[in-house]
Amino acid sequence: MDNTLKRGSLEMLAAMLISGTIGWFVLVSGQTVVDVVFWRCVIGGAMLLLVCAGLGLLRRELLGRRVLALAVLSGVAIVGNWLLLFASYSRASIAISTAVYNVQPFMLVGLAALFLGERITLNKLAWLGLAFLGMLAIVSAHGAGSTAGENYLLGIALALGAALLYAVAALIVKHLNGTPPHLIALIQLLTGTLMLAPLASLQWPQQPAAWASLAALGIVHTGMMYMLLYSAIQKLPTALTGALSFVYPIAAIFVDWLAFGHRLSLLQWLGVAAILLAAAGMQQGWNLRMRRLVPSRQ
């Protein structure tokens, strides 16, 4: 493995491990979901503003009306995605919410077929079927195990909504080829700040655990994570990027277990495994078609 590939792999691994701890910081902060997302946008946006200025990306020619409009629209979807995903953590647990959230590749395929005319192959449908079975396994575990609460099904619905909004954002970003990703992220965070300012309390929490969590979410889980992620994407082939992205849900499951003692039932583990396997198969292009056996002539 050459140095560029090795460095990119380490950056991607670090970004995914950081992402896996987001749920823990959200819950430990003790703040409302709106306040958490607002301060994440403010702090992360300030950090990315400095980065973009340092990289010389704050130039008029990079921000035409079309680019700005699409970036803002993707920002609305991303912020909505965070609101729904963070709200699902306290209802269906971090592990379950993150697993369900990973159906997003299938939603992106569906949206691409609907709006871009991309063809859905039988192979993709097969992986979609496996993911759907995983979803059924997770939903059917309602009422069993330590992860199931009164709002369990609502938590799953919120995670699905978050996945859909992420797929919408990804579809919009596809039309921003050539725009620096750091600049796109900055616009998304500034959009979130303006969106949520009228709804947030605008009061910095007094408890040390709360402000430390919010600061970490803005600096580490947004600014630093975005820089690691985008740097890794520029260095790694798509297949390796997709493979390493599955460190995120695995890390989230273990964080949920270690920090909150949430243990999945066997049926939930099977559902999680099915969803992650299906998502990996989609991203890596694994083929499920069986070759027809033809008897050899003697």
Protein backbone atom coordinates (compact mmCIF):
# COMPACT_ATOMS: atom_id res chain seq x y z
CA MET A 1 0.00 0.00 0.00
CA ASP A 2 1.53 3.35 -1.07
CA ASN A 3 1.70 6.29 1.33
CA THR A 4 -1.19 8.18 -0.27
CA LEU A 5 -3.52 5.19 -0.04
CA LYS A 6 -2.39 4.44 3.51
CA ARG A 7 -2.93 8.03 4.63
CA GLY A 8 -6.34 8.18 2.95
CA SER A 9 -7.38 4.93 4.65
CA LEU A 10 -6.33 6.22 8.07
CA GLU A 11 -8.20 9.49 7.48
CA MET A 12 -11.33 7.64 6.40
CA LEU A 13 -11.08 5.29 9.38
CA ALA A 14 -10.69 8.24 11.77
CA ALA A 15 -13.67 10.04 10.19
CA MET A 16 -15.90 6.98 10.57
CA LEU A 17 -14.82 6.35 14.18
CA ILE A 18 -15.60 9.98 15.01
CA SER A 19 -19.01 9.63 13.32
CA GLY A 20 -19.71 6.53 15.40
CA THR A 21 -19.56 8.57 18.62
CA ILE A 22 -21.95 11.34 17.50
CA GLY A 23 -24.97 9.73 19.17
CA TRP A 24 -23.20 9.53 22.52
CA PHE A 25 -22.37 13.27 22.48
CA VAL A 26 -25.90 14.17 21.38
CA LEU A 27 -27.47 12.31 24.31
CA VAL A 28 -24.86 13.39 26.88
CA SER A 29 -25.39 17.06 25.99
CA GLY A 30 -28.89 16.88 27.46
CA GLN A 31 -30.02 19.63 25.07
CA THR A 32 -33.01 19.67 22.75
CA VAL A 33 -32.39 18.30 19.27
CA VAL A 34 -32.91 21.75 17.74
CA ASP A 35 -30.31 23.31 20.03
CA VAL A 36 -27.80 20.52 19.38
CA VAL A 37 -28.09 20.87 15.60
CA PHE A 38 -28.04 24.69 15.80
CA TRP A 39 -24.80 24.81 17.80
CA ARG A 40 -23.29 22.12 15.59
CA CYS A 41 -23.98 24.34 12.59
CA VAL A 42 -22.65 27.49 14.31
CA ILE A 43 -19.41 25.98 15.64
CA GLY A 44 -18.75 23.70 12.66
CA GLY A 45 -19.58 26.52 10.26
CA ALA A 46 -17.14 28.89 11.98
CA MET A 47 -14.39 26.28 11.73
CA LEU A 48 -15.07 25.54 8.05
CA LEU A 49 -15.24 29.28 7.30
CA LEU A 50 -11.64 29.59 8.53
CA VAL A 51 -10.63 26.50 6.52
CA CYS A 52 -12.25 27.78 3.31
CA ALA A 53 -10.65 31.20 3.80
CA GLY A 54 -7.26 29.56 4.34
CA LEU A 55 -7.67 27.45 1.20
CA GLY A 56 -8.72 30.47 -0.85
CA LEU A 57 -12.17 29.07 -1.60
CA LEU A 58 -14.16 32.20 -0.77
CA ARG A 59 -14.15 33.46 -4.33
CA ARG A 60 -17.09 34.86 -6.29
CA GLU A 61 -16.43 32.67 -9.34
CA LEU A 62 -16.99 29.51 -7.26
CA LEU A 63 -20.45 30.65 -6.15
CA GLY A 64 -22.77 31.28 -9.06
CA ARG A 65 -26.50 31.58 -8.47
CA ARG A 66 -27.17 27.99 -9.49
CA VAL A 67 -24.40 26.59 -7.30
CA LEU A 68 -25.48 28.65 -4.31
CA ALA A 69 -29.16 27.69 -4.73
CA LEU A 70 -28.37 23.98 -4.96
CA ALA A 71 -25.95 24.12 -2.03
CA VAL A 72 -28.55 25.87 0.13
CA LEU A 73 -31.20 23.35 -0.89
CA SER A 74 -28.87 20.48 0.03
CA GLY A 75 -28.22 22.26 3.33
CA VAL A 76 -31.93 22.25 4.14
CA ALA A 77 -32.01 18.48 3.50
CA ILE A 78 -28.84 17.82 5.54
CA VAL A 79 -30.05 19.83 8.54
CA GLY A 80 -33.42 18.08 8.40
CA ASN A 81 -31.53 14.79 8.26
CA TRP A 82 -29.62 15.67 11.45
CA LEU A 83 -32.79 16.74 13.26
CA LEU A 84 -34.58 13.47 12.52
CA LEU A 85 -31.58 11.22 13.16
CA PHE A 86 -30.69 12.86 16.48
CA ALA A 87 -34.35 12.69 17.57
CA SER A 88 -34.39 8.96 16.83
CA TYR A 89 -31.48 8.19 19.19
CA SER A 90 -33.50 8.60 22.38
CA ARG A 91 -36.38 6.56 21.00
CA ALA A 92 -34.89 3.55 19.20
CA SER A 93 -31.30 3.66 20.59
CA ILE A 94 -28.15 4.77 18.81
CA ALA A 95 -27.43 1.27 17.46
CA ILE A 96 -30.85 0.68 15.90
CA SER A 97 -31.16 4.23 14.54
CA THR A 98 -27.74 4.02 12.89
CA ALA A 99 -28.46 0.62 11.38
CA VAL A 100 -31.80 1.75 9.94
CA TYR A 101 -30.15 4.96 8.69
CA ASN A 102 -27.90 2.83 6.50
CA VAL A 103 -30.77 2.06 4.10
CA GLN A 104 -29.92 5.44 2.54
CA PRO A 105 -28.10 3.91 -0.50
CA PHE A 106 -31.35 2.24 -1.54
CA MET A 107 -33.30 5.47 -1.22
CA LEU A 108 -30.66 7.21 -3.34
CA VAL A 109 -31.05 4.51 -6.00
CA GLY A 110 -34.82 5.00 -5.97
CA LEU A 111 -34.55 8.77 -6.23
CA ALA A 112 -31.99 8.48 -9.03
CA ALA A 113 -34.34 6.19 -10.93
CA LEU A 114 -37.26 8.54 -10.38
CA PHE A 115 -35.57 11.85 -11.20
CA LEU A 116 -32.47 10.95 -13.23
CA GLY A 117 -33.85 8.02 -15.19
CA GLU A 118 -31.21 5.59 -13.91
CA ARG A 119 -32.16 1.93 -14.36
CA ILE A 120 -32.72 -0.29 -11.31
CA THR A 121 -31.21 -3.70 -12.02
CA LEU A 122 -32.43 -7.03 -10.67
CA ASN A 123 -29.23 -7.21 -8.66
CA LYS A 124 -30.05 -3.92 -6.89
CA LEU A 125 -33.59 -5.13 -6.27
CA ALA A 126 -32.20 -8.28 -4.65
CA TRP A 127 -30.05 -6.24 -2.26
CA LEU A 128 -33.05 -4.00 -1.58
CA GLY A 129 -35.08 -7.09 -0.69
CA LEU A 130 -32.42 -8.22 1.77
CA ALA A 131 -32.36 -4.77 3.40
CA PHE A 132 -36.16 -4.84 3.64
CA LEU A 133 -36.01 -8.21 5.43
CA GLY A 134 -33.50 -6.67 7.83
CA MET A 135 -35.91 -3.81 8.48
CA LEU A 136 -38.73 -6.28 9.18
CA ALA A 137 -36.50 -8.13 11.65
CA ILE A 138 -35.69 -4.91 13.53
CA VAL A 139 -39.29 -3.69 13.57
CA SER A 140 -40.63 -7.07 14.69
CA ALA A 141 -38.32 -6.90 17.73
CA HIS A 142 -40.49 -4.08 19.12
CA GLY A 143 -41.21 -4.75 22.78
CA ALA A 144 -38.34 -7.21 23.23
CA GLY A 145 -34.89 -6.47 24.57
CA SER A 146 -33.37 -3.49 26.31
CA THR A 147 -33.43 -1.26 23.23
CA ALA A 148 -37.20 -1.26 22.83
CA GLY A 149 -39.01 1.66 24.41
CA GLU A 150 -42.43 3.25 24.09
CA ASN A 151 -41.36 5.27 21.06
CA TYR A 152 -39.36 2.50 19.40
CA LEU A 153 -41.33 2.47 16.14
CA LEU A 154 -41.32 6.27 16.02
CA GLY A 155 -37.53 6.18 16.38
CA ILE A 156 -37.28 3.82 13.41
CA ALA A 157 -39.57 6.08 11.37
CA LEU A 158 -37.41 9.11 12.23
CA ALA A 159 -34.24 7.25 11.19
CA LEU A 160 -35.89 6.31 7.87
CA GLY A 161 -36.88 9.94 7.34
CA ALA A 162 -33.29 10.99 8.06
CA ALA A 163 -32.01 8.48 5.51
CA LEU A 164 -34.42 9.83 2.90
CA LEU A 165 -33.30 13.42 3.49
CA TYR A 166 -29.65 12.37 3.25
CA ALA A 167 -30.39 10.67 -0.08
CA VAL A 168 -32.10 13.88 -1.29
CA ALA A 169 -29.04 15.91 -0.26
CA ALA A 170 -26.70 13.47 -2.01
CA LEU A 171 -28.81 13.66 -5.17
CA ILE A 172 -28.60 17.47 -5.14
CA VAL A 173 -24.85 17.45 -4.51
CA LYS A 174 -24.43 15.26 -7.63
CA HIS A 175 -25.23 18.43 -9.59
CA LEU A 176 -22.42 20.36 -7.89
CA ASN A 177 -19.48 18.69 -9.62
CA GLY A 178 -16.46 20.95 -9.59
CA THR A 179 -17.53 22.84 -6.48
CA PRO A 180 -15.05 22.32 -3.60
CA PRO A 181 -16.69 20.01 -1.02
CA HIS A 182 -15.46 22.17 1.89
CA LEU A 183 -17.37 25.09 0.38
CA ILE A 184 -20.53 23.00 -0.04
CA ALA A 185 -20.31 21.92 3.61
CA LEU A 186 -19.82 25.52 4.72
CA ILE A 187 -22.93 26.67 2.86
CA GLN A 188 -24.90 23.77 4.33
CA LEU A 189 -23.88 24.73 7.87
CA LEU A 190 -24.60 28.43 7.32
CA THR A 191 -28.01 27.44 5.94
CA GLY A 192 -28.66 25.38 9.07
CA THR A 193 -27.64 28.27 11.31
CA LEU A 194 -30.13 30.62 9.62
CA MET A 195 -32.85 27.95 9.55
CA LEU A 196 -32.65 27.09 13.23
CA ALA A 197 -31.83 30.49 14.77
CA PRO A 198 -35.54 31.38 15.22
CA LEU A 199 -36.22 27.98 16.84
CA ALA A 200 -33.14 27.54 19.06
CA SER A 201 -32.89 28.88 22.60
CA LEU A 202 -29.68 30.78 21.68
CA GLN A 203 -28.41 30.31 25.23
CA TRP A 204 -25.07 28.57 25.73
CA PRO A 205 -25.64 25.84 28.38
CA GLN A 206 -24.04 26.31 31.78
CA GLN A 207 -23.33 22.67 32.61
CA PRO A 208 -19.74 21.68 31.69
CA ALA A 209 -20.85 18.33 30.20
CA ALA A 210 -23.40 20.09 27.98
CA TRP A 211 -21.11 22.76 26.54
CA ALA A 212 -18.23 20.31 26.18
CA SER A 213 -20.49 17.97 24.18
CA LEU A 214 -21.73 20.78 21.93
CA ALA A 215 -18.20 22.06 21.38
CA ALA A 216 -17.05 18.55 20.44
CA LEU A 217 -19.98 18.10 18.04
CA GLY A 218 -19.12 21.36 16.29
CA ILE A 219 -15.31 21.17 16.24
CA VAL A 220 -14.59 17.43 16.12
CA HIS A 221 -17.71 15.80 14.68
CA THR A 222 -18.32 18.50 12.07
CA GLY A 223 -15.28 20.61 11.20
CA MET A 224 -12.58 18.00 11.78
CA MET A 225 -14.65 15.07 10.54
CA TYR A 226 -15.55 16.85 7.28
CA MET A 227 -11.90 17.67 6.60
CA LEU A 228 -10.79 14.08 7.25
CA LEU A 229 -13.62 12.69 5.16
CA TYR A 230 -13.10 14.93 2.14
CA SER A 231 -9.33 14.46 2.26
CA ALA A 232 -9.80 10.68 2.34
CA ILE A 233 -12.30 10.69 -0.54
CA GLN A 234 -9.76 12.52 -2.71
CA LYS A 235 -7.11 9.85 -2.03
CA LEU A 236 -9.09 6.59 -2.06
CA PRO A 237 -10.83 4.59 -4.80
CA THR A 238 -14.61 4.51 -4.49
CA ALA A 239 -14.75 0.82 -3.53
CA LEU A 240 -12.37 1.30 -0.59
CA THR A 241 -14.20 4.44 0.54
CA GLY A 242 -17.47 2.49 0.57
CA ALA A 243 -15.94 -0.43 2.46
CA LEU A 244 -14.43 1.76 5.18
CA SER A 245 -17.70 3.68 5.61
CA PHE A 246 -19.15 0.64 7.40
CA VAL A 247 -16.86 1.33 10.34
CA TYR A 248 -19.38 4.06 11.25
CA PRO A 249 -22.41 1.86 12.10
CA ILE A 250 -20.23 -0.78 13.75
CA ALA A 251 -18.59 1.86 15.95
CA ALA A 252 -22.01 3.33 16.81
CA ILE A 253 -23.31 -0.09 17.90
CA PHE A 254 -20.36 -0.63 20.23
CA VAL A 255 -20.56 2.91 21.63
CA ASP A 256 -24.26 2.38 22.38
CA TRP A 257 -23.41 -0.86 24.19
CA LEU A 258 -20.42 0.48 26.14
CA ALA A 259 -21.91 3.87 27.08
CA PHE A 260 -25.57 3.01 27.64
CA GLY A 261 -25.63 -0.78 28.02
CA HIS A 262 -28.02 -1.23 25.10
CA ARG A 263 -27.76 -4.85 23.98
CA LEU A 264 -29.44 -5.97 20.78
CA SER A 265 -31.57 -9.09 20.68
CA LEU A 266 -30.64 -11.89 18.29
CA LEU A 267 -33.38 -10.85 15.87
CA GLN A 268 -32.16 -7.25 15.92
CA TRP A 269 -28.58 -8.38 15.30
CA LEU A 270 -29.79 -10.37 12.28
CA GLY A 271 -31.67 -7.31 11.01
CA VAL A 272 -28.63 -5.06 11.45
CA ALA A 273 -26.39 -7.60 9.69
CA ALA A 274 -28.83 -7.91 6.78
CA ILE A 275 -29.04 -4.14 6.27
CA LEU A 276 -25.26 -3.64 6.44
CA LEU A 277 -24.61 -6.61 4.14
CA ALA A 278 -27.14 -5.32 1.62
CA ALA A 279 -25.71 -1.78 1.74
CA ALA A 280 -22.18 -3.17 1.28
CA GLY A 281 -23.33 -5.29 -1.64
CA MET A 282 -24.91 -2.27 -3.29
CA GLN A 283 -21.89 0.00 -2.82
CA GLN A 284 -19.35 -2.63 -3.84
CA GLY A 285 -21.42 -3.92 -6.78
CA TRP A 286 -21.49 -7.52 -5.61
CA ASN A 287 -23.46 -9.73 -7.98
CA LEU A 288 -26.16 -12.00 -6.57
CA ARG A 289 -27.06 -13.69 -9.84
CA MET A 290 -26.47 -17.44 -9.88
CA ARG A 291 -24.89 -18.99 -12.90
CA ARG A 292 -27.08 -21.56 -14.62
CA LEU A 293 -25.59 -25.00 -14.34
CA VAL A 294 -25.26 -26.69 -17.73
CA PRO A 295 -24.46 -30.42 -17.67
CA SER A 296 -21.28 -31.19 -19.55
CA ARG A 297 -21.52 -33.50 -22.50
CA GLN A 298 -19.73 -36.77 -22.15
